[in-house]
Amino acid sequence: MSNTRSLPVLEPGVVPCCPPLTERPLSAEEAERTAKMFKALGDPVRLRLFSAVASHEGGEACVCDISDVGVSQPTVSHHLKKLREAGLLTSERRGTWVYYRVEPSVLAAMGQLLSAAA
């Protein structure tokens, strides 16, 4: 049974959700979606978890490999849930463990959003 969630921000091969901030003002919908992503990353523990998943070998990490961030396991689970709800991570249950993945398209969209317009 799979608990994989599709990302609301981007699907592979789709143009990023928002233009660079220097290109034009964001619409209300774009601003709402983007604010959720940055708000989720505004917590140091979430940022560390996101970084641990993004930099993990193979592009995905088991929760058992990324839980050493200085907080209890229930708190880690809470923060991972917030990252999933913001569309930054996807997850899949395999047996008793949950594996997390950052989609490359999410990183590309965040990078493009903060880059200067060409």
PDB file of N, CA and C in Angstrom:
ATOM      1  N   MET A   1       0.845  -1.179   0.000  1.00  0.00           N
ATOM      2  CA  MET A   1       0.000   0.000   0.000  1.00  0.00           C
ATOM      3  C   MET A   1       0.884   1.233   0.000  1.00  0.00           C
ATOM      4  N   SER A   2       0.612   2.173  -0.844  1.00  0.00           N
ATOM      5  CA  SER A   2       1.448   3.354  -1.001  1.00  0.00           C
ATOM      6  C   SER A   2       0.750   4.587  -0.449  1.00  0.00           C
ATOM      7  N   ASN A   3       1.513   5.405   0.250  1.00  0.00           N
ATOM      8  CA  ASN A   3       1.010   6.679   0.766  1.00  0.00           C
ATOM      9  C   ASN A   3       1.616   7.842   0.010  1.00  0.00           C
ATOM     10  N   THR A   4       2.019   7.613  -1.232  1.00  0.00           N
ATOM     11  CA  THR A   4       2.637   8.655  -2.022  1.00  0.00           C
ATOM     12  C   THR A   4       1.622   9.744  -2.324  1.00  0.00           C
ATOM     13  N   ARG A   5       2.057  10.991  -2.105  1.00  0.00           N
ATOM     14  CA  ARG A   5       1.191  12.136  -2.385  1.00  0.00           C
ATOM     15  C   ARG A   5       1.783  12.905  -3.545  1.00  0.00           C
ATOM     16  N   SER A   6       0.926  13.360  -4.436  1.00  0.00           N
ATOM     17  CA  SER A   6       1.442  14.193  -5.518  1.00  0.00           C
ATOM     18  C   SER A   6       1.620  15.608  -5.001  1.00  0.00           C
ATOM     19  N   LEU A   7       2.568  16.300  -5.583  1.00  0.00           N
ATOM     20  CA  LEU A   7       2.857  17.652  -5.154  1.00  0.00           C
ATOM     21  C   LEU A   7       1.874  18.645  -5.755  1.00  0.00           C
ATOM     22  N   PRO A   8       1.321  19.527  -4.949  1.00  0.00           N
ATOM     23  CA  PRO A   8       0.413  20.524  -5.488  1.00  0.00           C
ATOM     24  C   PRO A   8       1.138  21.629  -6.247  1.00  0.00           C
ATOM     25  N   VAL A   9       2.435  21.796  -6.014  1.00  0.00           N
ATOM     26  CA  VAL A   9       3.177  22.888  -6.630  1.00  0.00           C
ATOM     27  C   VAL A   9       3.540  22.544  -8.071  1.00  0.00           C
ATOM     28  N   LEU A  10       4.187  21.413  -8.269  1.00  0.00           N
ATOM     29  CA  LEU A  10       4.682  21.036  -9.589  1.00  0.00           C
ATOM     30  C   LEU A  10       4.608  19.537  -9.796  1.00  0.00           C
ATOM     31  N   GLU A  11       4.456  19.133 -10.984  1.00  0.00           N
ATOM     32  CA  GLU A  11       4.645  17.738 -11.388  1.00  0.00           C
ATOM     33  C   GLU A  11       5.861  17.748 -12.300  1.00  0.00           C
ATOM     34  N   PRO A  12       6.601  16.641 -12.375  1.00  0.00           N
ATOM     35  CA  PRO A  12       7.786  16.633 -13.238  1.00  0.00           C
ATOM     36  C   PRO A  12       7.457  17.094 -14.650  1.00  0.00           C
ATOM     37  N   GLY A  13       8.322  17.939 -15.202  1.00  0.00           N
ATOM     38  CA  GLY A  13       8.146  18.411 -16.566  1.00  0.00           C
ATOM     39  C   GLY A  13       7.205  19.593 -16.715  1.00  0.00           C
ATOM     40  N   VAL A  14       6.646  20.078 -15.615  1.00  0.00           N
ATOM     41  CA  VAL A  14       5.714  21.202 -15.665  1.00  0.00           C
ATOM     42  C   VAL A  14       6.472  22.474 -15.321  1.00  0.00           C
ATOM     43  N   VAL A  15       6.109  23.567 -15.949  1.00  0.00           N
ATOM     44  CA  VAL A  15       6.728  24.861 -15.680  1.00  0.00           C
ATOM     45  C   VAL A  15       6.509  25.220 -14.210  1.00  0.00           C
ATOM     46  N   PRO A  16       7.520  25.783 -13.531  1.00  0.00           N
ATOM     47  CA  PRO A  16       7.372  26.143 -12.123  1.00  0.00           C
ATOM     48  C   PRO A  16       6.139  26.997 -11.864  1.00  0.00           C
ATOM     49  N   CYS A  17       5.675  26.954 -10.625  1.00  0.00           N
ATOM     50  CA  CYS A  17       4.409  27.580 -10.251  1.00  0.00           C
ATOM     51  C   CYS A  17       4.389  29.090 -10.386  1.00  0.00           C
ATOM     52  N   CYS A  18       5.545  29.678 -10.188  1.00  0.00           N
ATOM     53  CA  CYS A  18       5.565  31.133 -10.133  1.00  0.00           C
ATOM     54  C   CYS A  18       6.744  31.683 -10.916  1.00  0.00           C
ATOM     55  N   PRO A  19       6.580  32.875 -11.462  1.00  0.00           N
ATOM     56  CA  PRO A  19       7.705  33.507 -12.156  1.00  0.00           C
ATOM     57  C   PRO A  19       8.703  34.038 -11.131  1.00  0.00           C
ATOM     58  N   PRO A  20       9.910  34.382 -11.560  1.00  0.00           N
ATOM     59  CA  PRO A  20      10.838  35.040 -10.635  1.00  0.00           C
ATOM     60  C   PRO A  20      10.177  36.278 -10.027  1.00  0.00           C
ATOM     61  N   LEU A  21      10.497  36.558  -8.789  1.00  0.00           N
ATOM     62  CA  LEU A  21       9.886  37.694  -8.092  1.00  0.00           C
ATOM     63  C   LEU A  21      10.156  39.025  -8.783  1.00  0.00           C
ATOM     64  N   THR A  22      11.240  39.098  -9.548  1.00  0.00           N
ATOM     65  CA  THR A  22      11.577  40.345 -10.229  1.00  0.00           C
ATOM     66  C   THR A  22      10.853  40.503 -11.558  1.00  0.00           C
ATOM     67  N   GLU A  23      10.141  39.468 -11.994  1.00  0.00           N
ATOM     68  CA  GLU A  23       9.470  39.517 -13.300  1.00  0.00           C
ATOM     69  C   GLU A  23       8.135  40.246 -13.249  1.00  0.00           C
ATOM     70  N   ARG A  24       7.327  39.918 -12.249  1.00  0.00           N
ATOM     71  CA  ARG A  24       6.015  40.549 -12.088  1.00  0.00           C
ATOM     72  C   ARG A  24       5.499  40.239 -10.686  1.00  0.00           C
ATOM     73  N   PRO A  25       4.526  40.988 -10.207  1.00  0.00           N
ATOM     74  CA  PRO A  25       3.951  40.674  -8.896  1.00  0.00           C
ATOM     75  C   PRO A  25       3.243  39.316  -8.938  1.00  0.00           C
ATOM     76  N   LEU A  26       3.315  38.592  -7.845  1.00  0.00           N
ATOM     77  CA  LEU A  26       2.626  37.307  -7.746  1.00  0.00           C
ATOM     78  C   LEU A  26       1.122  37.533  -7.620  1.00  0.00           C
ATOM     79  N   SER A  27       0.365  36.611  -8.174  1.00  0.00           N
ATOM     80  CA  SER A  27      -1.087  36.646  -7.957  1.00  0.00           C
ATOM     81  C   SER A  27      -1.365  36.200  -6.522  1.00  0.00           C
ATOM     82  N   ALA A  28      -2.572  36.392  -6.065  1.00  0.00           N
ATOM     83  CA  ALA A  28      -2.936  35.983  -4.704  1.00  0.00           C
ATOM     84  C   ALA A  28      -2.740  34.479  -4.523  1.00  0.00           C
ATOM     85  N   GLU A  29      -3.121  33.687  -5.515  1.00  0.00           N
ATOM     86  CA  GLU A  29      -2.982  32.230  -5.439  1.00  0.00           C
ATOM     87  C   GLU A  29      -1.504  31.813  -5.413  1.00  0.00           C
ATOM     88  N   GLU A  30      -0.696  32.437  -6.266  1.00  0.00           N
ATOM     89  CA  GLU A  30       0.739  32.130  -6.300  1.00  0.00           C
ATOM     90  C   GLU A  30       1.395  32.504  -4.968  1.00  0.00           C
ATOM     91  N   ALA A  31       1.023  33.644  -4.434  1.00  0.00           N
ATOM     92  CA  ALA A  31       1.591  34.098  -3.165  1.00  0.00           C
ATOM     93  C   ALA A  31       1.205  33.159  -2.030  1.00  0.00           C
ATOM     94  N   GLU A  32      -0.029  32.709  -2.014  1.00  0.00           N
ATOM     95  CA  GLU A  32      -0.493  31.781  -0.976  1.00  0.00           C
ATOM     96  C   GLU A  32       0.288  30.477  -1.026  1.00  0.00           C
ATOM     97  N   ARG A  33       0.424  29.906  -2.208  1.00  0.00           N
ATOM     98  CA  ARG A  33       1.141  28.634  -2.386  1.00  0.00           C
ATOM     99  C   ARG A  33       2.619  28.787  -2.015  1.00  0.00           C
ATOM    100  N   THR A  34       3.229  29.877  -2.444  1.00  0.00           N
ATOM    101  CA  THR A  34       4.641  30.108  -2.185  1.00  0.00           C
ATOM    102  C   THR A  34       4.883  30.386  -0.703  1.00  0.00           C
ATOM    103  N   ALA A  35       3.995  31.131  -0.076  1.00  0.00           N
ATOM    104  CA  ALA A  35       4.135  31.430   1.353  1.00  0.00           C
ATOM    105  C   ALA A  35       4.090  30.156   2.185  1.00  0.00           C
ATOM    106  N   LYS A  36       3.254  29.194   1.809  1.00  0.00           N
ATOM    107  CA  LYS A  36       3.191  27.921   2.537  1.00  0.00           C
ATOM    108  C   LYS A  36       4.532  27.197   2.473  1.00  0.00           C
ATOM    109  N   MET A  37       5.172  27.220   1.304  1.00  0.00           N
ATOM    110  CA  MET A  37       6.472  26.557   1.163  1.00  0.00           C
ATOM    111  C   MET A  37       7.508  27.235   2.058  1.00  0.00           C
ATOM    112  N   PHE A  38       7.587  28.560   1.985  1.00  0.00           N
ATOM    113  CA  PHE A  38       8.599  29.265   2.765  1.00  0.00           C
ATOM    114  C   PHE A  38       8.289  29.244   4.262  1.00  0.00           C
ATOM    115  N   LYS A  39       7.022  29.269   4.617  1.00  0.00           N
ATOM    116  CA  LYS A  39       6.660  29.175   6.033  1.00  0.00           C
ATOM    117  C   LYS A  39       7.095  27.833   6.592  1.00  0.00           C
ATOM    118  N   ALA A  40       6.887  26.769   5.815  1.00  0.00           N
ATOM    119  CA  ALA A  40       7.305  25.438   6.266  1.00  0.00           C
ATOM    120  C   ALA A  40       8.816  25.385   6.463  1.00  0.00           C
ATOM    121  N   LEU A  41       9.562  26.078   5.619  1.00  0.00           N
ATOM    122  CA  LEU A  41      11.022  26.074   5.725  1.00  0.00           C
ATOM    123  C   LEU A  41      11.538  27.095   6.731  1.00  0.00           C
ATOM    124  N   GLY A  42      10.648  27.909   7.283  1.00  0.00           N
ATOM    125  CA  GLY A  42      11.045  28.938   8.231  1.00  0.00           C
ATOM    126  C   GLY A  42      11.403  28.407   9.607  1.00  0.00           C
ATOM    127  N   ASP A  43      11.135  27.143   9.864  1.00  0.00           N
ATOM    128  CA  ASP A  43      11.481  26.526  11.132  1.00  0.00           C
ATOM    129  C   ASP A  43      12.828  25.825  10.981  1.00  0.00           C
ATOM    130  N   PRO A  44      13.784  26.049  11.878  1.00  0.00           N
ATOM    131  CA  PRO A  44      15.109  25.435  11.739  1.00  0.00           C
ATOM    132  C   PRO A  44      15.082  23.904  11.681  1.00  0.00           C
ATOM    133  N   VAL A  45      14.206  23.270  12.464  1.00  0.00           N
ATOM    134  CA  VAL A  45      14.127  21.800  12.435  1.00  0.00           C
ATOM    135  C   VAL A  45      13.609  21.327  11.081  1.00  0.00           C
ATOM    136  N   ARG A  46      12.598  21.993  10.559  1.00  0.00           N
ATOM    137  CA  ARG A  46      12.067  21.608   9.240  1.00  0.00           C
ATOM    138  C   ARG A  46      13.101  21.831   8.154  1.00  0.00           C
ATOM    139  N   LEU A  47      13.820  22.918   8.227  1.00  0.00           N
ATOM    140  CA  LEU A  47      14.857  23.189   7.243  1.00  0.00           C
ATOM    141  C   LEU A  47      15.935  22.106   7.291  1.00  0.00           C
ATOM    142  N   ARG A  48      16.318  21.679   8.493  1.00  0.00           N
ATOM    143  CA  ARG A  48      17.302  20.598   8.621  1.00  0.00           C
ATOM    144  C   ARG A  48      16.757  19.293   8.057  1.00  0.00           C
ATOM    145  N   LEU A  49      15.506  18.979   8.337  1.00  0.00           N
ATOM    146  CA  LEU A  49      14.902  17.752   7.803  1.00  0.00           C
ATOM    147  C   LEU A  49      14.818  17.800   6.280  1.00  0.00           C
ATOM    148  N   PHE A  50      14.391  18.934   5.745  1.00  0.00           N
ATOM    149  CA  PHE A  50      14.298  19.095   4.291  1.00  0.00           C
ATOM    150  C   PHE A  50      15.682  18.918   3.666  1.00  0.00           C
ATOM    151  N   SER A  51      16.684  19.525   4.256  1.00  0.00           N
ATOM    152  CA  SER A  51      18.050  19.412   3.767  1.00  0.00           C
ATOM    153  C   SER A  51      18.549  17.968   3.856  1.00  0.00           C
ATOM    154  N   ALA A  52      18.221  17.289   4.943  1.00  0.00           N
ATOM    155  CA  ALA A  52      18.646  15.895   5.110  1.00  0.00           C
ATOM    156  C   ALA A  52      18.047  15.008   4.029  1.00  0.00           C
ATOM    157  N   VAL A  53      16.784  15.217   3.710  1.00  0.00           N
ATOM    158  CA  VAL A  53      16.142  14.426   2.656  1.00  0.00           C
ATOM    159  C   VAL A  53      16.729  14.800   1.298  1.00  0.00           C
ATOM    160  N   ALA A  54      16.842  16.090   1.025  1.00  0.00           N
ATOM    161  CA  ALA A  54      17.323  16.552  -0.282  1.00  0.00           C
ATOM    162  C   ALA A  54      18.738  16.090  -0.567  1.00  0.00           C
ATOM    163  N   SER A  55      19.573  16.010   0.450  1.00  0.00           N
ATOM    164  CA  SER A  55      20.976  15.660   0.240  1.00  0.00           C
ATOM    165  C   SER A  55      21.272  14.184   0.460  1.00  0.00           C
ATOM    166  N   HIS A  56      20.266  13.408   0.834  1.00  0.00           N
ATOM    167  CA  HIS A  56      20.485  11.985   1.111  1.00  0.00           C
ATOM    168  C   HIS A  56      20.797  11.226  -0.170  1.00  0.00           C
ATOM    169  N   GLU A  57      21.688  10.264  -0.056  1.00  0.00           N
ATOM    170  CA  GLU A  57      22.071   9.447  -1.209  1.00  0.00           C
ATOM    171  C   GLU A  57      20.849   8.779  -1.829  1.00  0.00           C
ATOM    172  N   GLY A  58      20.748   8.842  -3.135  1.00  0.00           N
ATOM    173  CA  GLY A  58      19.624   8.236  -3.838  1.00  0.00           C
ATOM    174  C   GLY A  58      18.406   9.138  -3.933  1.00  0.00           C
ATOM    175  N   GLY A  59      18.446  10.306  -3.318  1.00  0.00           N
ATOM    176  CA  GLY A  59      17.346  11.247  -3.449  1.00  0.00           C
ATOM    177  C   GLY A  59      16.151  10.977  -2.564  1.00  0.00           C
ATOM    178  N   GLU A  60      16.251   9.982  -1.695  1.00  0.00           N
ATOM    179  CA  GLU A  60      15.180   9.724  -0.744  1.00  0.00           C
ATOM    180  C   GLU A  60      15.788   9.229   0.552  1.00  0.00           C
ATOM    181  N   ALA A  61      15.056   9.412   1.653  1.00  0.00           N
ATOM    182  CA  ALA A  61      15.570   9.023   2.955  1.00  0.00           C
ATOM    183  C   ALA A  61      14.475   8.384   3.781  1.00  0.00           C
ATOM    184  N   CYS A  62      14.846   7.338   4.490  1.00  0.00           N
ATOM    185  CA  CYS A  62      13.941   6.706   5.445  1.00  0.00           C
ATOM    186  C   CYS A  62      13.879   7.598   6.670  1.00  0.00           C
ATOM    187  N   VAL A  63      12.732   7.651   7.296  1.00  0.00           N
ATOM    188  CA  VAL A  63      12.595   8.464   8.503  1.00  0.00           C
ATOM    189  C   VAL A  63      13.605   8.013   9.552  1.00  0.00           C
ATOM    190  N   CYS A  64      13.984   6.752   9.535  1.00  0.00           N
ATOM    191  CA  CYS A  64      14.962   6.252  10.506  1.00  0.00           C
ATOM    192  C   CYS A  64      16.348   6.850  10.267  1.00  0.00           C
ATOM    193  N   ASP A  65      16.616   7.346   9.050  1.00  0.00           N
ATOM    194  CA  ASP A  65      17.919   7.930   8.718  1.00  0.00           C
ATOM    195  C   ASP A  65      18.005   9.428   8.953  1.00  0.00           C
ATOM    196  N   ILE A  66      16.890  10.086   9.169  1.00  0.00           N
ATOM    197  CA  ILE A  66      16.894  11.554   9.245  1.00  0.00           C
ATOM    198  C   ILE A  66      16.312  12.096  10.544  1.00  0.00           C
ATOM    199  N   SER A  67      16.095  11.252  11.531  1.00  0.00           N
ATOM    200  CA  SER A  67      15.393  11.697  12.733  1.00  0.00           C
ATOM    201  C   SER A  67      16.300  12.318  13.782  1.00  0.00           C
ATOM    202  N   ASP A  68      17.609  12.339  13.564  1.00  0.00           N
ATOM    203  CA  ASP A  68      18.541  12.888  14.540  1.00  0.00           C
ATOM    204  C   ASP A  68      18.740  14.391  14.321  1.00  0.00           C
ATOM    205  N   VAL A  69      17.730  15.167  14.684  1.00  0.00           N
ATOM    206  CA  VAL A  69      17.804  16.625  14.530  1.00  0.00           C
ATOM    207  C   VAL A  69      17.576  17.350  15.859  1.00  0.00           C
ATOM    208  N   GLY A  70      17.733  16.629  16.962  1.00  0.00           N
ATOM    209  CA  GLY A  70      17.664  17.253  18.273  1.00  0.00           C
ATOM    210  C   GLY A  70      16.287  17.375  18.883  1.00  0.00           C
ATOM    211  N   VAL A  71      15.282  16.731  18.276  1.00  0.00           N
ATOM    212  CA  VAL A  71      13.930  16.741  18.842  1.00  0.00           C
ATOM    213  C   VAL A  71      13.417  15.303  18.895  1.00  0.00           C
ATOM    214  N   SER A  72      12.332  15.086  19.624  1.00  0.00           N
ATOM    215  CA  SER A  72      11.775  13.742  19.772  1.00  0.00           C
ATOM    216  C   SER A  72      11.172  13.235  18.466  1.00  0.00           C
ATOM    217  N   GLN A  73      10.985  11.926  18.375  1.00  0.00           N
ATOM    218  CA  GLN A  73      10.429  11.328  17.164  1.00  0.00           C
ATOM    219  C   GLN A  73       9.032  11.857  16.840  1.00  0.00           C
ATOM    220  N   PRO A  74       8.135  12.019  17.823  1.00  0.00           N
ATOM    221  CA  PRO A  74       6.831  12.605  17.477  1.00  0.00           C
ATOM    222  C   PRO A  74       6.949  14.006  16.878  1.00  0.00           C
ATOM    223  N   THR A  75       7.914  14.789  17.360  1.00  0.00           N
ATOM    224  CA  THR A  75       8.120  16.128  16.818  1.00  0.00           C
ATOM    225  C   THR A  75       8.666  16.060  15.404  1.00  0.00           C
ATOM    226  N   VAL A  76       9.572  15.115  15.140  1.00  0.00           N
ATOM    227  CA  VAL A  76      10.083  14.901  13.786  1.00  0.00           C
ATOM    228  C   VAL A  76       8.924  14.572  12.857  1.00  0.00           C
ATOM    229  N   SER A  77       8.055  13.667  13.276  1.00  0.00           N
ATOM    230  CA  SER A  77       6.894  13.285  12.454  1.00  0.00           C
ATOM    231  C   SER A  77       6.003  14.480  12.171  1.00  0.00           C
ATOM    232  N   HIS A  78       5.792  15.325  13.168  1.00  0.00           N
ATOM    233  CA  HIS A  78       4.976  16.532  12.994  1.00  0.00           C
ATOM    234  C   HIS A  78       5.601  17.453  11.934  1.00  0.00           C
ATOM    235  N   HIS A  79       6.900  17.664  12.042  1.00  0.00           N
ATOM    236  CA  HIS A  79       7.571  18.553  11.094  1.00  0.00           C
ATOM    237  C   HIS A  79       7.576  17.968   9.678  1.00  0.00           C
ATOM    238  N   LEU A  80       7.763  16.672   9.550  1.00  0.00           N
ATOM    239  CA  LEU A  80       7.719  16.038   8.230  1.00  0.00           C
ATOM    240  C   LEU A  80       6.325  16.164   7.624  1.00  0.00           C
ATOM    241  N   LYS A  81       5.303  16.059   8.459  1.00  0.00           N
ATOM    242  CA  LYS A  81       3.929  16.233   7.981  1.00  0.00           C
ATOM    243  C   LYS A  81       3.727  17.651   7.445  1.00  0.00           C
ATOM    244  N   LYS A  82       4.244  18.644   8.147  1.00  0.00           N
ATOM    245  CA  LYS A  82       4.117  20.027   7.692  1.00  0.00           C
ATOM    246  C   LYS A  82       4.830  20.235   6.359  1.00  0.00           C
ATOM    247  N   LEU A  83       5.992  19.609   6.185  1.00  0.00           N
ATOM    248  CA  LEU A  83       6.715  19.710   4.912  1.00  0.00           C
ATOM    249  C   LEU A  83       5.940  19.041   3.785  1.00  0.00           C
ATOM    250  N   ARG A  84       5.286  17.913   4.080  1.00  0.00           N
ATOM    251  CA  ARG A  84       4.456  17.250   3.064  1.00  0.00           C
ATOM    252  C   ARG A  84       3.254  18.112   2.706  1.00  0.00           C
ATOM    253  N   GLU A  85       2.595  18.679   3.705  1.00  0.00           N
ATOM    254  CA  GLU A  85       1.414  19.512   3.460  1.00  0.00           C
ATOM    255  C   GLU A  85       1.760  20.752   2.638  1.00  0.00           C
ATOM    256  N   ALA A  86       2.975  21.243   2.775  1.00  0.00           N
ATOM    257  CA  ALA A  86       3.412  22.409   2.010  1.00  0.00           C
ATOM    258  C   ALA A  86       3.829  22.034   0.590  1.00  0.00           C
ATOM    259  N   GLY A  87       3.826  20.745   0.274  1.00  0.00           N
ATOM    260  CA  GLY A  87       4.185  20.296  -1.064  1.00  0.00           C
ATOM    261  C   GLY A  87       5.681  20.174  -1.289  1.00  0.00           C
ATOM    262  N   LEU A  88       6.461  20.192  -0.219  1.00  0.00           N
ATOM    263  CA  LEU A  88       7.912  20.124  -0.354  1.00  0.00           C
ATOM    264  C   LEU A  88       8.450  18.701  -0.368  1.00  0.00           C
ATOM    265  N   LEU A  89       7.731  17.775   0.251  1.00  0.00           N
ATOM    266  CA  LEU A  89       8.143  16.375   0.304  1.00  0.00           C
ATOM    267  C   LEU A  89       7.006  15.469  -0.144  1.00  0.00           C
ATOM    268  N   THR A  90       7.371  14.319  -0.654  1.00  0.00           N
ATOM    269  CA  THR A  90       6.412  13.239  -0.869  1.00  0.00           C
ATOM    270  C   THR A  90       6.846  12.104   0.039  1.00  0.00           C
ATOM    271  N   SER A  91       5.933  11.202   0.343  1.00  0.00           N
ATOM    272  CA  SER A  91       6.278  10.087   1.222  1.00  0.00           C
ATOM    273  C   SER A  91       5.655   8.799   0.709  1.00  0.00           C
ATOM    274  N   GLU A  92       6.287   7.710   1.102  1.00  0.00           N
ATOM    275  CA  GLU A  92       5.799   6.388   0.741  1.00  0.00           C
ATOM    276  C   GLU A  92       6.119   5.438   1.883  1.00  0.00           C
ATOM    277  N   ARG A  93       5.101   4.713   2.339  1.00  0.00           N
ATOM    278  CA  ARG A  93       5.307   3.722   3.396  1.00  0.00           C
ATOM    279  C   ARG A  93       5.772   2.420   2.760  1.00  0.00           C
ATOM    280  N   ARG A  94       6.844   1.867   3.319  1.00  0.00           N
ATOM    281  CA  ARG A  94       7.367   0.566   2.896  1.00  0.00           C
ATOM    282  C   ARG A  94       7.540  -0.271   4.150  1.00  0.00           C
ATOM    283  N   GLY A  95       6.624  -1.190   4.360  1.00  0.00           N
ATOM    284  CA  GLY A  95       6.656  -1.977   5.588  1.00  0.00           C
ATOM    285  C   GLY A  95       6.366  -1.080   6.768  1.00  0.00           C
ATOM    286  N   THR A  96       7.295  -1.056   7.732  1.00  0.00           N
ATOM    287  CA  THR A  96       7.083  -0.237   8.924  1.00  0.00           C
ATOM    288  C   THR A  96       7.716   1.141   8.818  1.00  0.00           C
ATOM    289  N   TRP A  97       8.465   1.405   7.741  1.00  0.00           N
ATOM    290  CA  TRP A  97       9.166   2.676   7.594  1.00  0.00           C
ATOM    291  C   TRP A  97       8.529   3.552   6.531  1.00  0.00           C
ATOM    292  N   VAL A  98       8.687   4.859   6.695  1.00  0.00           N
ATOM    293  CA  VAL A  98       8.218   5.819   5.708  1.00  0.00           C
ATOM    294  C   VAL A  98       9.449   6.452   5.063  1.00  0.00           C
ATOM    295  N   TYR A  99       9.434   6.506   3.740  1.00  0.00           N
ATOM    296  CA  TYR A  99      10.534   7.107   2.978  1.00  0.00           C
ATOM    297  C   TYR A  99      10.064   8.444   2.410  1.00  0.00           C
ATOM    298  N   TYR A 100      10.936   9.437   2.479  1.00  0.00           N
ATOM    299  CA  TYR A 100      10.619  10.782   2.012  1.00  0.00           C
ATOM    300  C   TYR A 100      11.503  11.146   0.839  1.00  0.00           C
ATOM    301  N   ARG A 101      10.950  11.954  -0.060  1.00  0.00           N
ATOM    302  CA  ARG A 101      11.667  12.375  -1.257  1.00  0.00           C
ATOM    303  C   ARG A 101      11.315  13.837  -1.551  1.00  0.00           C
ATOM    304  N   VAL A 102      12.332  14.585  -1.972  1.00  0.00           N
ATOM    305  CA  VAL A 102      12.138  15.945  -2.473  1.00  0.00           C
ATOM    306  C   VAL A 102      12.150  15.844  -3.983  1.00  0.00           C
ATOM    307  N   GLU A 103      11.104  16.297  -4.615  1.00  0.00           N
ATOM    308  CA  GLU A 103      11.062  16.258  -6.069  1.00  0.00           C
ATOM    309  C   GLU A 103      11.987  17.341  -6.627  1.00  0.00           C
ATOM    310  N   PRO A 104      12.829  16.986  -7.597  1.00  0.00           N
ATOM    311  CA  PRO A 104      13.731  17.990  -8.185  1.00  0.00           C
ATOM    312  C   PRO A 104      12.985  19.211  -8.719  1.00  0.00           C
ATOM    313  N   SER A 105      11.776  19.022  -9.180  1.00  0.00           N
ATOM    314  CA  SER A 105      11.013  20.147  -9.712  1.00  0.00           C
ATOM    315  C   SER A 105      10.682  21.177  -8.633  1.00  0.00           C
ATOM    316  N   VAL A 106      10.540  20.739  -7.382  1.00  0.00           N
ATOM    317  CA  VAL A 106      10.280  21.678  -6.285  1.00  0.00           C
ATOM    318  C   VAL A 106      11.509  22.540  -6.048  1.00  0.00           C
ATOM    319  N   LEU A 107      12.690  21.915  -6.019  1.00  0.00           N
ATOM    320  CA  LEU A 107      13.920  22.685  -5.830  1.00  0.00           C
ATOM    321  C   LEU A 107      14.127  23.656  -6.982  1.00  0.00           C
ATOM    322  N   ALA A 108      13.845  23.206  -8.194  1.00  0.00           N
ATOM    323  CA  ALA A 108      13.996  24.074  -9.363  1.00  0.00           C
ATOM    324  C   ALA A 108      13.036  25.261  -9.282  1.00  0.00           C
ATOM    325  N   ALA A 109      11.800  25.011  -8.872  1.00  0.00           N
ATOM    326  CA  ALA A 109      10.815  26.091  -8.770  1.00  0.00           C
ATOM    327  C   ALA A 109      11.218  27.112  -7.724  1.00  0.00           C
ATOM    328  N   MET A 110      11.704  26.641  -6.579  1.00  0.00           N
ATOM    329  CA  MET A 110      12.121  27.568  -5.533  1.00  0.00           C
ATOM    330  C   MET A 110      13.322  28.388  -5.994  1.00  0.00           C
ATOM    331  N   GLY A 111      14.248  27.732  -6.681  1.00  0.00           N
ATOM    332  CA  GLY A 111      15.409  28.452  -7.200  1.00  0.00           C
ATOM    333  C   GLY A 111      15.022  29.484  -8.240  1.00  0.00           C
ATOM    334  N   GLN A 112      14.102  29.108  -9.136  1.00  0.00           N
ATOM    335  CA  GLN A 112      13.684  30.050 -10.179  1.00  0.00           C
ATOM    336  C   GLN A 112      12.923  31.213  -9.582  1.00  0.00           C
ATOM    337  N   LEU A 113      12.115  30.944  -8.567  1.00  0.00           N
ATOM    338  CA  LEU A 113      11.342  32.010  -7.939  1.00  0.00           C
ATOM    339  C   LEU A 113      12.259  33.105  -7.386  1.00  0.00           C
ATOM    340  N   LEU A 114      13.396  32.699  -6.850  1.00  0.00           N
ATOM    341  CA  LEU A 114      14.304  33.663  -6.227  1.00  0.00           C
ATOM    342  C   LEU A 114      15.365  34.209  -7.171  1.00  0.00           C
ATOM    343  N   SER A 115      15.388  33.704  -8.394  1.00  0.00           N
ATOM    344  CA  SER A 115      16.389  34.185  -9.344  1.00  0.00           C
ATOM    345  C   SER A 115      15.899  35.442 -10.046  1.00  0.00           C
ATOM    346  N   ALA A 116      16.821  36.158 -10.586  1.00  0.00           N
ATOM    347  CA  ALA A 116      16.478  37.370 -11.359  1.00  0.00           C
ATOM    348  C   ALA A 116      15.916  36.961 -12.711  1.00  0.00           C
ATOM    349  N   ALA A 117      15.010  37.741 -13.223  1.00  0.00           N
ATOM    350  CA  ALA A 117      14.445  37.469 -14.539  1.00  0.00           C
ATOM    351  C   ALA A 117      15.548  37.576 -15.599  1.00  0.00           C
ATOM    352  N   ALA A 118      15.440  36.733 -16.608  1.00  0.00           N
ATOM    353  CA  ALA A 118      16.464  36.731 -17.668  1.00  0.00           C
ATOM    354  C   ALA A 118      16.351  37.982 -18.521  1.00  0.00           C
TER     355      ALA A 118
END
